[in-house]
C-alpha cells in the first residue's frame, strides 16, 4: 500500500488535479503543472500501474437524475459476512458497501427513483442469507457529496497555519 508522503510534489499535484477534473487534455494539465505532456503521461501511467488512479468517469448528480430516495442501510449479519457483502454489492440500487466496525457489520449506500423501489431494495437486503436485520437511515439532503472529496495531498489538513 502506498502512502501519500511517498509521492513527490508533482505526483501529488497530478492526483489533486485529476480528482478535481480528469476531463482536460494531457497538454492542458501539463501546462497547469509546468511539465512536459510526455512527463505527465508517464507519471499518470505510473500512478495507474500502482493502482492509485483506478479509472475515469463522469461525476453524476444522482438526485438530478431522479434517484431521490437515498438511504444508508446498516446491516447486522451472521455467518460469512464477506458473502453477505458480495450479495449486497450485486444489487442494482447499491452505490457502495462498507465493511465497518461498531454496532453493525456492514453499511450499504443505496439510491432509488421512488419509495416503492426503495422499499424493494431494503427488503432485498433483508432477504439475503446471513442478514439478521437492518436499520435504514433515509438521506434527506446531501451536504457534501463523497465524490467531491479531494485528498489533502500536501498534508496541510489539521496543521496550524
N, C-alpha and C. Protein backbone atom coordinates (compact mmCIF):
# COMPACT_ATOMS: atom_id res chain seq x y z
N UNK A 1 0.85 -1.17 0.00
CA UNK A 1 0.00 0.00 0.00
C UNK A 1 0.89 1.24 0.00
N UNK A 2 0.49 2.23 -0.75
CA UNK A 2 1.26 3.46 -0.85
C UNK A 2 0.84 4.44 0.24
N UNK A 3 1.71 5.38 0.50
CA UNK A 3 1.45 6.45 1.45
C UNK A 3 1.67 7.75 0.70
N UNK A 4 0.76 8.70 0.85
CA UNK A 4 0.84 9.97 0.13
C UNK A 4 2.18 10.66 0.36
N UNK A 5 2.79 10.42 1.51
CA UNK A 5 4.09 11.03 1.81
C UNK A 5 5.21 10.46 0.93
N UNK A 6 4.95 9.29 0.30
CA UNK A 6 5.95 8.68 -0.57
C UNK A 6 5.98 9.32 -1.95
N UNK A 7 5.00 10.15 -2.28
CA UNK A 7 4.93 10.76 -3.60
C UNK A 7 5.61 12.13 -3.58
N UNK A 8 6.24 12.46 -4.71
CA UNK A 8 6.83 13.80 -4.79
C UNK A 8 5.73 14.82 -5.08
N UNK A 9 6.10 16.09 -5.04
CA UNK A 9 5.14 17.19 -5.20
C UNK A 9 4.41 17.12 -6.54
N UNK A 10 5.10 16.73 -7.61
CA UNK A 10 4.46 16.64 -8.93
C UNK A 10 3.37 15.57 -8.93
N UNK A 11 3.67 14.39 -8.38
CA UNK A 11 2.65 13.34 -8.31
C UNK A 11 1.46 13.79 -7.46
N UNK A 12 1.74 14.46 -6.37
CA UNK A 12 0.66 14.96 -5.51
C UNK A 12 -0.22 15.94 -6.27
N UNK A 13 0.38 16.83 -7.01
CA UNK A 13 -0.40 17.81 -7.77
C UNK A 13 -1.19 17.13 -8.89
N UNK A 14 -0.60 16.10 -9.52
CA UNK A 14 -1.32 15.35 -10.56
C UNK A 14 -2.56 14.71 -9.95
N UNK A 15 -2.40 14.06 -8.81
CA UNK A 15 -3.54 13.42 -8.13
C UNK A 15 -4.60 14.45 -7.80
N UNK A 16 -4.18 15.58 -7.25
CA UNK A 16 -5.13 16.63 -6.89
C UNK A 16 -5.89 17.14 -8.12
N UNK A 17 -5.18 17.45 -9.19
CA UNK A 17 -5.84 17.96 -10.40
C UNK A 17 -6.75 16.92 -11.04
N UNK A 18 -6.34 15.66 -11.02
CA UNK A 18 -7.16 14.59 -11.61
C UNK A 18 -8.42 14.37 -10.78
N UNK A 19 -8.34 14.58 -9.46
CA UNK A 19 -9.53 14.46 -8.61
C UNK A 19 -10.52 15.59 -8.88
N UNK A 20 -10.00 16.77 -9.14
CA UNK A 20 -10.87 17.91 -9.40
C UNK A 20 -11.52 17.76 -10.77
N UNK A 21 -10.73 17.39 -11.78
CA UNK A 21 -11.28 17.16 -13.12
C UNK A 21 -10.27 16.41 -13.95
N UNK A 22 -10.66 15.24 -14.41
CA UNK A 22 -9.78 14.46 -15.29
C UNK A 22 -10.21 14.64 -16.73
N UNK A 23 -11.05 15.64 -16.97
CA UNK A 23 -11.61 15.84 -18.30
C UNK A 23 -10.68 16.60 -19.24
N UNK A 24 -9.76 17.36 -18.70
CA UNK A 24 -8.87 18.14 -19.54
C UNK A 24 -7.87 17.27 -20.28
N UNK A 25 -7.28 17.83 -21.31
CA UNK A 25 -6.28 17.08 -22.07
C UNK A 25 -4.97 17.02 -21.28
N UNK A 26 -4.12 16.07 -21.64
CA UNK A 26 -2.82 15.99 -21.01
C UNK A 26 -2.04 17.28 -21.24
N UNK A 27 -2.20 17.86 -22.41
CA UNK A 27 -1.50 19.11 -22.71
C UNK A 27 -1.93 20.21 -21.75
N UNK A 28 -3.25 20.33 -21.50
CA UNK A 28 -3.75 21.35 -20.59
C UNK A 28 -3.26 21.12 -19.16
N UNK A 29 -3.36 19.86 -18.72
CA UNK A 29 -2.91 19.54 -17.36
C UNK A 29 -1.41 19.76 -17.21
N UNK A 30 -0.63 19.38 -18.21
CA UNK A 30 0.82 19.55 -18.16
C UNK A 30 1.17 21.03 -18.07
N UNK A 31 0.43 21.85 -18.80
CA UNK A 31 0.68 23.30 -18.75
C UNK A 31 0.41 23.84 -17.34
N UNK A 32 -0.69 23.39 -16.72
CA UNK A 32 -1.00 23.82 -15.35
C UNK A 32 0.09 23.39 -14.38
N UNK A 33 0.68 22.24 -14.63
CA UNK A 33 1.70 21.70 -13.74
C UNK A 33 3.10 22.22 -14.05
N UNK A 34 3.26 22.81 -15.24
CA UNK A 34 4.57 23.29 -15.64
C UNK A 34 5.52 22.18 -16.04
N UNK A 35 4.97 21.08 -16.59
CA UNK A 35 5.80 19.96 -17.04
C UNK A 35 5.44 19.62 -18.48
N UNK A 36 6.27 18.83 -19.11
CA UNK A 36 6.04 18.40 -20.50
C UNK A 36 4.92 17.36 -20.52
N UNK A 37 4.05 17.38 -21.54
CA UNK A 37 2.96 16.39 -21.63
C UNK A 37 3.43 14.94 -21.55
N UNK A 38 4.59 14.64 -22.14
CA UNK A 38 5.11 13.27 -22.09
C UNK A 38 5.44 12.87 -20.65
N UNK A 39 5.99 13.80 -19.89
CA UNK A 39 6.29 13.55 -18.47
C UNK A 39 4.99 13.27 -17.72
N UNK A 40 3.97 14.07 -17.99
CA UNK A 40 2.67 13.87 -17.34
C UNK A 40 2.12 12.49 -17.67
N UNK A 41 2.13 12.12 -18.94
CA UNK A 41 1.60 10.82 -19.37
C UNK A 41 2.33 9.69 -18.65
N UNK A 42 3.65 9.77 -18.58
CA UNK A 42 4.44 8.73 -17.89
C UNK A 42 4.07 8.65 -16.42
N UNK A 43 3.92 9.79 -15.79
CA UNK A 43 3.58 9.81 -14.36
C UNK A 43 2.17 9.28 -14.12
N UNK A 44 1.22 9.66 -14.97
CA UNK A 44 -0.15 9.15 -14.83
C UNK A 44 -0.16 7.63 -15.01
N UNK A 45 0.55 7.14 -16.02
CA UNK A 45 0.62 5.68 -16.24
C UNK A 45 1.24 4.97 -15.03
N UNK A 46 2.24 5.59 -14.42
CA UNK A 46 2.86 5.04 -13.22
C UNK A 46 1.85 4.99 -12.06
N UNK A 47 1.09 6.08 -11.89
CA UNK A 47 0.07 6.11 -10.83
C UNK A 47 -1.03 5.07 -11.11
N UNK A 48 -1.36 4.87 -12.37
CA UNK A 48 -2.35 3.84 -12.74
C UNK A 48 -1.80 2.44 -12.45
N UNK A 49 -0.52 2.20 -12.78
CA UNK A 49 0.06 0.87 -12.56
C UNK A 49 0.16 0.53 -11.07
N UNK A 50 0.28 1.57 -10.23
CA UNK A 50 0.32 1.36 -8.77
C UNK A 50 -1.08 1.22 -8.18
N UNK A 51 -2.11 1.42 -9.01
CA UNK A 51 -3.48 1.33 -8.52
C UNK A 51 -3.95 2.58 -7.81
N UNK A 52 -3.19 3.66 -7.89
CA UNK A 52 -3.59 4.92 -7.26
C UNK A 52 -4.72 5.54 -8.06
N UNK A 53 -4.53 5.65 -9.36
CA UNK A 53 -5.60 6.11 -10.26
C UNK A 53 -6.22 4.84 -10.84
N UNK A 54 -7.50 4.63 -10.53
CA UNK A 54 -8.16 3.38 -10.89
C UNK A 54 -9.11 3.50 -12.07
N UNK A 55 -9.28 4.70 -12.60
CA UNK A 55 -10.16 4.86 -13.73
C UNK A 55 -10.67 6.27 -13.82
N UNK A 56 -11.49 6.50 -14.81
CA UNK A 56 -12.02 7.82 -15.06
C UNK A 56 -13.50 7.68 -15.35
N UNK A 57 -14.29 8.59 -14.79
CA UNK A 57 -15.72 8.53 -15.03
C UNK A 57 -16.35 9.89 -14.78
N UNK A 58 -17.53 10.03 -15.32
CA UNK A 58 -18.27 11.27 -15.11
C UNK A 58 -18.78 11.32 -13.67
N UNK A 59 -18.79 12.49 -13.10
CA UNK A 59 -19.39 12.70 -11.78
C UNK A 59 -20.87 12.98 -12.02
N UNK A 60 -21.72 12.10 -11.56
CA UNK A 60 -23.15 12.16 -11.85
C UNK A 60 -23.89 12.65 -10.62
N UNK A 61 -24.82 13.56 -10.80
CA UNK A 61 -25.70 14.02 -9.73
C UNK A 61 -26.91 13.08 -9.72
N UNK A 62 -26.88 12.10 -8.83
CA UNK A 62 -27.94 11.09 -8.79
C UNK A 62 -29.31 11.70 -8.52
N UNK A 63 -29.35 12.71 -7.66
CA UNK A 63 -30.64 13.36 -7.34
C UNK A 63 -31.26 13.99 -8.58
N UNK A 64 -30.45 14.68 -9.38
CA UNK A 64 -30.97 15.31 -10.60
C UNK A 64 -31.40 14.28 -11.64
N UNK A 65 -30.85 13.08 -11.55
CA UNK A 65 -31.24 12.01 -12.46
C UNK A 65 -32.54 11.34 -12.01
N UNK A 66 -33.03 11.73 -10.85
CA UNK A 66 -34.28 11.15 -10.37
C UNK A 66 -34.12 10.14 -9.26
N UNK A 67 -32.90 9.90 -8.81
CA UNK A 67 -32.69 8.97 -7.69
C UNK A 67 -32.85 9.76 -6.40
N UNK A 68 -34.10 10.11 -6.10
CA UNK A 68 -34.38 10.99 -4.97
C UNK A 68 -34.53 10.27 -3.64
N UNK A 69 -34.60 8.97 -3.67
CA UNK A 69 -34.71 8.20 -2.44
C UNK A 69 -33.37 7.51 -2.20
N UNK A 70 -32.59 8.11 -1.29
CA UNK A 70 -31.29 7.54 -0.93
C UNK A 70 -31.33 7.13 0.52
N UNK A 71 -30.56 6.12 0.83
CA UNK A 71 -30.51 5.66 2.20
C UNK A 71 -29.17 5.04 2.55
N UNK A 72 -28.93 5.02 3.84
CA UNK A 72 -27.79 4.32 4.41
C UNK A 72 -28.38 3.15 5.18
N UNK A 73 -28.01 1.95 4.79
CA UNK A 73 -28.57 0.75 5.43
C UNK A 73 -27.49 0.09 6.27
N UNK A 74 -27.75 0.03 7.57
CA UNK A 74 -26.85 -0.68 8.48
C UNK A 74 -27.27 -2.14 8.46
N UNK A 75 -26.31 -3.02 8.25
CA UNK A 75 -26.61 -4.44 8.12
C UNK A 75 -25.99 -5.21 9.28
N UNK A 76 -26.81 -6.00 9.92
CA UNK A 76 -26.38 -6.88 11.01
C UNK A 76 -26.42 -8.29 10.43
N UNK A 77 -25.28 -8.97 10.46
CA UNK A 77 -25.19 -10.26 9.78
C UNK A 77 -24.67 -11.34 10.72
N UNK A 78 -24.85 -12.57 10.26
CA UNK A 78 -24.28 -13.73 10.94
C UNK A 78 -23.68 -14.63 9.88
N UNK A 79 -22.72 -15.41 10.26
CA UNK A 79 -22.09 -16.30 9.28
C UNK A 79 -21.01 -15.57 8.50
N UNK A 80 -20.94 -15.87 7.22
CA UNK A 80 -19.89 -15.34 6.37
C UNK A 80 -20.24 -13.93 5.88
N UNK A 81 -19.73 -12.91 6.57
CA UNK A 81 -20.04 -11.52 6.24
C UNK A 81 -19.55 -11.15 4.85
N UNK A 82 -18.45 -11.76 4.40
CA UNK A 82 -17.94 -11.45 3.06
C UNK A 82 -18.94 -11.88 1.97
N UNK A 83 -19.57 -13.03 2.17
CA UNK A 83 -20.60 -13.47 1.22
C UNK A 83 -21.81 -12.54 1.25
N UNK A 84 -22.18 -12.11 2.45
CA UNK A 84 -23.30 -11.18 2.60
C UNK A 84 -22.97 -9.88 1.86
N UNK A 85 -21.80 -9.34 2.09
CA UNK A 85 -21.40 -8.09 1.45
C UNK A 85 -21.35 -8.23 -0.07
N UNK A 86 -20.85 -9.35 -0.55
CA UNK A 86 -20.80 -9.57 -2.00
C UNK A 86 -22.21 -9.62 -2.59
N UNK A 87 -23.14 -10.26 -1.89
CA UNK A 87 -24.53 -10.32 -2.36
C UNK A 87 -25.17 -8.94 -2.39
N UNK A 88 -24.90 -8.15 -1.36
CA UNK A 88 -25.43 -6.78 -1.31
C UNK A 88 -24.84 -5.96 -2.45
N UNK A 89 -23.57 -6.12 -2.69
CA UNK A 89 -22.86 -5.40 -3.75
C UNK A 89 -23.52 -5.59 -5.11
N UNK A 90 -24.09 -6.75 -5.32
CA UNK A 90 -24.69 -7.09 -6.62
C UNK A 90 -26.04 -6.43 -6.87
N UNK A 91 -26.68 -5.91 -5.84
CA UNK A 91 -28.00 -5.28 -6.02
C UNK A 91 -27.85 -3.99 -6.83
N UNK A 92 -28.71 -3.77 -7.81
CA UNK A 92 -28.56 -2.62 -8.70
C UNK A 92 -28.71 -1.26 -8.02
N UNK A 93 -29.38 -1.18 -6.91
CA UNK A 93 -29.59 0.10 -6.23
C UNK A 93 -28.43 0.49 -5.32
N UNK A 94 -27.46 -0.38 -5.17
CA UNK A 94 -26.37 -0.16 -4.22
C UNK A 94 -25.26 0.66 -4.85
N UNK A 95 -24.97 1.80 -4.23
CA UNK A 95 -23.86 2.66 -4.67
C UNK A 95 -22.56 2.18 -4.04
N UNK A 96 -22.62 1.81 -2.77
CA UNK A 96 -21.41 1.38 -2.08
C UNK A 96 -21.73 0.45 -0.92
N UNK A 97 -20.78 -0.41 -0.61
CA UNK A 97 -20.88 -1.31 0.54
C UNK A 97 -19.60 -1.13 1.35
N UNK A 98 -19.78 -0.95 2.66
CA UNK A 98 -18.64 -0.68 3.53
C UNK A 98 -18.57 -1.72 4.63
N UNK A 99 -17.39 -2.28 4.84
CA UNK A 99 -17.11 -3.18 5.94
C UNK A 99 -16.71 -2.29 7.10
N UNK A 100 -17.46 -2.32 8.20
CA UNK A 100 -17.26 -1.36 9.27
C UNK A 100 -17.07 -2.02 10.63
N UNK A 101 -16.60 -1.23 11.57
CA UNK A 101 -16.58 -1.65 12.97
C UNK A 101 -17.75 -0.97 13.66
N UNK A 102 -18.06 -1.41 14.85
CA UNK A 102 -19.14 -0.78 15.59
C UNK A 102 -20.30 -1.72 15.77
N UNK A 103 -21.46 -1.14 15.93
CA UNK A 103 -22.66 -1.90 16.25
C UNK A 103 -23.08 -2.85 15.12
N UNK A 104 -23.03 -2.38 13.88
CA UNK A 104 -23.43 -3.23 12.75
C UNK A 104 -22.19 -3.81 12.08
N UNK A 105 -22.42 -4.74 11.16
CA UNK A 105 -21.32 -5.42 10.49
C UNK A 105 -20.93 -4.79 9.16
N UNK A 106 -21.89 -4.13 8.54
CA UNK A 106 -21.66 -3.55 7.22
C UNK A 106 -22.64 -2.40 7.01
N UNK A 107 -22.31 -1.52 6.09
CA UNK A 107 -23.19 -0.40 5.74
C UNK A 107 -23.29 -0.35 4.22
N UNK A 108 -24.51 -0.17 3.73
CA UNK A 108 -24.71 -0.01 2.29
C UNK A 108 -25.33 1.35 2.02
N UNK A 109 -24.91 1.96 0.94
CA UNK A 109 -25.48 3.23 0.49
C UNK A 109 -26.31 2.90 -0.74
N UNK A 110 -27.60 3.20 -0.69
CA UNK A 110 -28.49 2.86 -1.80
C UNK A 110 -29.13 4.12 -2.40
N UNK A 111 -29.50 4.02 -3.68
CA UNK A 111 -30.17 5.12 -4.38
C UNK A 111 -31.31 4.53 -5.22
N UNK A 112 -32.49 5.12 -5.08
CA UNK A 112 -33.68 4.61 -5.76
C UNK A 112 -34.48 5.77 -6.35
N UNK A 113 -35.30 5.46 -7.35
CA UNK A 113 -36.07 6.53 -8.00
C UNK A 113 -37.38 6.85 -7.28
N UNK A 114 -37.91 5.91 -6.51
CA UNK A 114 -39.15 6.19 -5.80
C UNK A 114 -39.23 5.34 -4.53
N UNK A 115 -40.28 5.61 -3.76
CA UNK A 115 -40.46 4.92 -2.48
C UNK A 115 -40.61 3.40 -2.67
N UNK A 116 -41.31 2.99 -3.72
CA UNK A 116 -41.50 1.55 -3.96
C UNK A 116 -40.17 0.85 -4.21
N UNK A 117 -39.34 1.44 -5.06
CA UNK A 117 -38.03 0.83 -5.34
C UNK A 117 -37.17 0.82 -4.07
N UNK A 118 -37.28 1.89 -3.28
CA UNK A 118 -36.53 1.99 -2.02
C UNK A 118 -36.92 0.84 -1.09
N UNK A 119 -38.23 0.61 -0.98
CA UNK A 119 -38.74 -0.47 -0.14
C UNK A 119 -38.24 -1.83 -0.63
N UNK A 120 -38.29 -2.03 -1.94
CA UNK A 120 -37.83 -3.30 -2.53
C UNK A 120 -36.33 -3.50 -2.26
N UNK A 121 -35.55 -2.42 -2.39
CA UNK A 121 -34.11 -2.53 -2.17
C UNK A 121 -33.79 -2.94 -0.74
N UNK A 122 -34.44 -2.30 0.22
CA UNK A 122 -34.20 -2.64 1.63
C UNK A 122 -34.64 -4.07 1.91
N UNK A 123 -35.80 -4.46 1.39
CA UNK A 123 -36.29 -5.83 1.60
C UNK A 123 -35.39 -6.85 0.91
N UNK A 124 -34.80 -6.48 -0.23
CA UNK A 124 -33.87 -7.38 -0.92
C UNK A 124 -32.64 -7.64 -0.07
N UNK A 125 -32.18 -6.62 0.62
CA UNK A 125 -31.05 -6.80 1.52
C UNK A 125 -31.43 -7.74 2.66
N UNK A 126 -32.62 -7.54 3.21
CA UNK A 126 -33.09 -8.39 4.31
C UNK A 126 -33.24 -9.86 3.90
N UNK A 127 -33.52 -10.11 2.63
CA UNK A 127 -33.71 -11.48 2.14
C UNK A 127 -32.41 -12.23 1.90
N UNK A 128 -31.29 -11.54 1.94
CA UNK A 128 -30.01 -12.19 1.69
C UNK A 128 -29.66 -13.11 2.85
N UNK A 129 -29.23 -14.31 2.50
CA UNK A 129 -28.86 -15.28 3.52
C UNK A 129 -27.73 -14.74 4.38
N UNK A 130 -27.91 -14.77 5.69
CA UNK A 130 -26.92 -14.27 6.62
C UNK A 130 -27.25 -12.90 7.19
N UNK A 131 -28.23 -12.21 6.61
CA UNK A 131 -28.63 -10.90 7.14
C UNK A 131 -29.66 -11.13 8.24
N UNK A 132 -29.33 -10.71 9.47
CA UNK A 132 -30.24 -10.86 10.60
C UNK A 132 -31.25 -9.72 10.63
N UNK A 133 -30.76 -8.50 10.47
CA UNK A 133 -31.64 -7.34 10.50
C UNK A 133 -30.93 -6.17 9.85
N UNK A 134 -31.72 -5.13 9.56
CA UNK A 134 -31.15 -3.90 9.02
C UNK A 134 -31.72 -2.71 9.79
N UNK A 135 -31.05 -1.61 9.70
CA UNK A 135 -31.55 -0.33 10.20
C UNK A 135 -31.30 0.67 9.08
N UNK A 136 -32.37 1.26 8.57
CA UNK A 136 -32.26 2.13 7.41
C UNK A 136 -32.38 3.60 7.80
N UNK A 137 -31.43 4.38 7.35
CA UNK A 137 -31.43 5.82 7.55
C UNK A 137 -31.73 6.47 6.20
N UNK A 138 -32.78 7.27 6.13
CA UNK A 138 -33.15 7.94 4.89
C UNK A 138 -32.34 9.23 4.77
N UNK A 139 -31.71 9.43 3.63
CA UNK A 139 -30.94 10.64 3.38
C UNK A 139 -31.90 11.75 2.97
N UNK A 140 -31.94 12.81 3.75
CA UNK A 140 -32.82 13.94 3.44
C UNK A 140 -32.12 14.91 2.47
N UNK A 141 -30.88 15.22 2.74
CA UNK A 141 -30.09 16.11 1.89
C UNK A 141 -28.64 15.66 1.94
N UNK A 142 -27.94 15.83 0.83
CA UNK A 142 -26.52 15.52 0.80
C UNK A 142 -25.76 16.84 0.93
N UNK A 143 -25.12 17.03 2.04
CA UNK A 143 -24.41 18.27 2.32
C UNK A 143 -23.06 18.29 1.59
N UNK A 144 -22.37 17.18 1.59
CA UNK A 144 -21.12 17.04 0.82
C UNK A 144 -21.15 15.69 0.13
N UNK A 145 -21.07 15.73 -1.18
CA UNK A 145 -21.04 14.52 -1.99
C UNK A 145 -19.67 13.86 -1.81
N UNK A 146 -19.63 12.56 -1.49
CA UNK A 146 -18.32 11.92 -1.31
C UNK A 146 -17.46 11.97 -2.58
N UNK A 147 -18.10 12.12 -3.73
CA UNK A 147 -17.34 12.19 -4.97
C UNK A 147 -16.70 13.56 -5.17
N UNK A 148 -16.99 14.51 -4.27
CA UNK A 148 -16.32 15.81 -4.28
C UNK A 148 -15.03 15.78 -3.46
N UNK A 149 -14.77 14.67 -2.81
CA UNK A 149 -13.59 14.57 -1.96
C UNK A 149 -12.32 14.68 -2.79
N UNK A 150 -11.45 15.57 -2.38
CA UNK A 150 -10.12 15.70 -2.96
C UNK A 150 -9.14 15.51 -1.81
N UNK A 151 -8.29 14.49 -1.88
CA UNK A 151 -7.40 14.23 -0.76
C UNK A 151 -6.45 15.40 -0.52
N UNK A 152 -6.10 15.58 0.75
CA UNK A 152 -5.14 16.61 1.14
C UNK A 152 -3.75 16.07 0.82
N UNK A 153 -3.37 16.21 -0.43
CA UNK A 153 -2.11 15.63 -0.89
C UNK A 153 -0.88 16.38 -0.40
N UNK A 154 -1.09 17.56 0.15
CA UNK A 154 0.04 18.36 0.62
C UNK A 154 0.21 18.28 2.13
N UNK A 155 -0.67 17.50 2.81
CA UNK A 155 -0.55 17.29 4.25
C UNK A 155 -0.81 18.51 5.09
N UNK A 156 -1.68 19.40 4.62
CA UNK A 156 -1.94 20.65 5.35
C UNK A 156 -3.14 20.55 6.27
N UNK A 157 -3.98 19.56 6.12
CA UNK A 157 -5.18 19.44 6.95
C UNK A 157 -4.78 19.24 8.40
N UNK A 158 -5.40 20.01 9.25
CA UNK A 158 -5.17 19.87 10.68
C UNK A 158 -3.91 20.55 11.18
N UNK A 159 -3.07 21.04 10.27
CA UNK A 159 -1.86 21.70 10.75
C UNK A 159 -2.14 23.19 10.93
N UNK A 160 -1.58 23.79 11.98
CA UNK A 160 -1.82 25.22 12.22
C UNK A 160 -1.18 26.05 11.10
N UNK A 161 -1.84 27.13 10.79
CA UNK A 161 -1.34 28.00 9.71
C UNK A 161 -0.52 29.12 10.26
